[in-house]
Amino acid sequence: MKKIYIILLLLVTVSVANGQTKLQADSAYVNNDYAGAVEMYEAILANEGESADLYYNLGNTYAEMKNFSKALHFYSRTLLSLA
């Protein structure tokens, strides 16, 4: 029974840590740290998998960086992940 509690605690801790990373990435975007935001959003995608929200945020971030081909790529991925 003790092992189950430890496993649940670890899962909750990982979920909270990932949520903070998303908040940090959003904060970087708002503070015009687009390179940092891209790095964090892509790390979240690598760890958590496909997410329309993250694809959309990456599209917006690349658009702010004037990298329109990557912005279009991630906007397209947003739509495909919703289908």
C-alpha atoms as a PDB file:
ATOM      1  CA  MET A   1       0.000   0.000   0.000  1.00  0.00           C
ATOM      2  CA  LYS A   2       2.871   2.344   0.776  1.00  0.00           C
ATOM      3  CA  LYS A   3       4.236   1.837  -2.757  1.00  0.00           C
ATOM      4  CA  ILE A   4       0.932   2.956  -4.257  1.00  0.00           C
ATOM      5  CA  TYR A   5       1.047   6.209  -2.280  1.00  0.00           C
ATOM      6  CA  ILE A   6       4.611   6.843  -3.368  1.00  0.00           C
ATOM      7  CA  ILE A   7       3.724   6.243  -7.023  1.00  0.00           C
ATOM      8  CA  LEU A   8       0.692   8.549  -6.777  1.00  0.00           C
ATOM      9  CA  LEU A   9       2.805  11.233  -5.139  1.00  0.00           C
ATOM     10  CA  LEU A  10       5.378  10.991  -7.930  1.00  0.00           C
ATOM     11  CA  LEU A  11       2.691  11.250 -10.601  1.00  0.00           C
ATOM     12  CA  VAL A  12       1.173  14.325  -8.979  1.00  0.00           C
ATOM     13  CA  THR A  13       4.618  15.899  -8.632  1.00  0.00           C
ATOM     14  CA  VAL A  14       5.412  15.309 -12.318  1.00  0.00           C
ATOM     15  CA  SER A  15       2.043  16.776 -13.356  1.00  0.00           C
ATOM     16  CA  VAL A  16       2.605  19.892 -11.268  1.00  0.00           C
ATOM     17  CA  ALA A  17       6.156  20.287 -12.604  1.00  0.00           C
ATOM     18  CA  ASN A  18       4.909  20.046 -16.193  1.00  0.00           C
ATOM     19  CA  GLY A  19       2.196  22.624 -15.472  1.00  0.00           C
ATOM     20  CA  GLN A  20       4.792  25.010 -14.131  1.00  0.00           C
ATOM     21  CA  THR A  21       6.863  24.529 -17.260  1.00  0.00           C
ATOM     22  CA  LYS A  22       3.854  25.535 -19.406  1.00  0.00           C
ATOM     23  CA  LEU A  23       3.379  28.608 -17.228  1.00  0.00           C
ATOM     24  CA  GLN A  24       7.063  29.422 -17.572  1.00  0.00           C
ATOM     25  CA  ALA A  25       6.866  29.057 -21.355  1.00  0.00           C
ATOM     26  CA  ASP A  26       3.807  31.315 -21.463  1.00  0.00           C
ATOM     27  CA  SER A  27       5.630  33.825 -19.274  1.00  0.00           C
ATOM     28  CA  ALA A  28       8.654  33.769 -21.579  1.00  0.00           C
ATOM     29  CA  TYR A  29       6.351  34.458 -24.551  1.00  0.00           C
ATOM     30  CA  VAL A  30       4.641  37.371 -22.790  1.00  0.00           C
ATOM     31  CA  ASN A  31       8.065  38.804 -21.887  1.00  0.00           C
ATOM     32  CA  ASN A  32       9.214  38.590 -25.541  1.00  0.00           C
ATOM     33  CA  ASP A  33      11.689  35.770 -24.809  1.00  0.00           C
ATOM     34  CA  TYR A  34      10.572  33.890 -27.895  1.00  0.00           C
ATOM     35  CA  ALA A  35      13.611  31.623 -28.164  1.00  0.00           C
ATOM     36  CA  GLY A  36      13.128  30.542 -24.557  1.00  0.00           C
ATOM     37  CA  ALA A  37       9.421  30.000 -25.104  1.00  0.00           C
ATOM     38  CA  VAL A  38      10.075  27.821 -28.178  1.00  0.00           C
ATOM     39  CA  GLU A  39      12.577  25.731 -26.232  1.00  0.00           C
ATOM     40  CA  MET A  40      10.142  25.177 -23.365  1.00  0.00           C
ATOM     41  CA  TYR A  41       7.104  24.484 -25.581  1.00  0.00           C
ATOM     42  CA  GLU A  42       9.075  21.941 -27.607  1.00  0.00           C
ATOM     43  CA  ALA A  43      10.345  20.262 -24.421  1.00  0.00           C
ATOM     44  CA  ILE A  44       6.764  19.948 -23.196  1.00  0.00           C
ATOM     45  CA  LEU A  45       5.721  18.420 -26.540  1.00  0.00           C
ATOM     46  CA  ALA A  46       8.591  15.940 -26.343  1.00  0.00           C
ATOM     47  CA  ASN A  47       7.586  14.898 -22.824  1.00  0.00           C
ATOM     48  CA  GLU A  48       3.801  15.003 -23.046  1.00  0.00           C
ATOM     49  CA  GLY A  49       3.046  14.379 -26.709  1.00  0.00           C
ATOM     50  CA  GLU A  50       0.742  16.107 -29.161  1.00  0.00           C
ATOM     51  CA  SER A  51      -1.265  19.117 -27.985  1.00  0.00           C
ATOM     52  CA  ALA A  52      -3.274  21.590 -30.065  1.00  0.00           C
ATOM     53  CA  ASP A  53      -2.656  24.265 -27.438  1.00  0.00           C
ATOM     54  CA  LEU A  54       1.121  23.840 -27.605  1.00  0.00           C
ATOM     55  CA  TYR A  55       1.139  23.733 -31.408  1.00  0.00           C
ATOM     56  CA  TYR A  56      -0.870  26.963 -31.473  1.00  0.00           C
ATOM     57  CA  ASN A  57       1.481  28.612 -28.988  1.00  0.00           C
ATOM     58  CA  LEU A  58       4.472  27.530 -31.061  1.00  0.00           C
ATOM     59  CA  GLY A  59       2.828  28.956 -34.173  1.00  0.00           C
ATOM     60  CA  ASN A  60       2.300  32.282 -32.429  1.00  0.00           C
ATOM     61  CA  THR A  61       5.845  32.294 -31.094  1.00  0.00           C
ATOM     62  CA  TYR A  62       7.411  31.589 -34.481  1.00  0.00           C
ATOM     63  CA  ALA A  63       5.191  34.271 -36.046  1.00  0.00           C
ATOM     64  CA  GLU A  64       6.521  36.786 -33.521  1.00  0.00           C
ATOM     65  CA  MET A  65      10.043  35.690 -34.495  1.00  0.00           C
ATOM     66  CA  LYS A  66       9.123  36.358 -38.161  1.00  0.00           C
ATOM     67  CA  ASN A  67       9.732  32.694 -38.996  1.00  0.00           C
ATOM     68  CA  PHE A  68       6.510  32.368 -40.964  1.00  0.00           C
ATOM     69  CA  SER A  69       7.211  28.960 -42.482  1.00  0.00           C
ATOM     70  CA  LYS A  70       7.540  27.387 -39.021  1.00  0.00           C
ATOM     71  CA  ALA A  71       4.548  29.389 -37.788  1.00  0.00           C
ATOM     72  CA  LEU A  72       2.439  27.988 -40.642  1.00  0.00           C
ATOM     73  CA  HIS A  73       3.722  24.488 -39.908  1.00  0.00           C
ATOM     74  CA  PHE A  74       2.587  24.673 -36.285  1.00  0.00           C
ATOM     75  CA  TYR A  75      -0.743  26.305 -37.133  1.00  0.00           C
ATOM     76  CA  SER A  76      -1.351  23.402 -39.522  1.00  0.00           C
ATOM     77  CA  ARG A  77      -0.392  20.920 -36.806  1.00  0.00           C
ATOM     78  CA  THR A  78      -2.910  22.660 -34.522  1.00  0.00           C
ATOM     79  CA  LEU A  79      -5.730  22.051 -36.976  1.00  0.00           C
ATOM     80  CA  LEU A  80      -4.666  18.473 -37.691  1.00  0.00           C
ATOM     81  CA  SER A  81      -4.536  17.608 -34.004  1.00  0.00           C
ATOM     82  CA  LEU A  82      -8.107  18.843 -33.568  1.00  0.00           C
ATOM     83  CA  ALA A  83      -9.465  16.700 -36.405  1.00  0.00           C
END
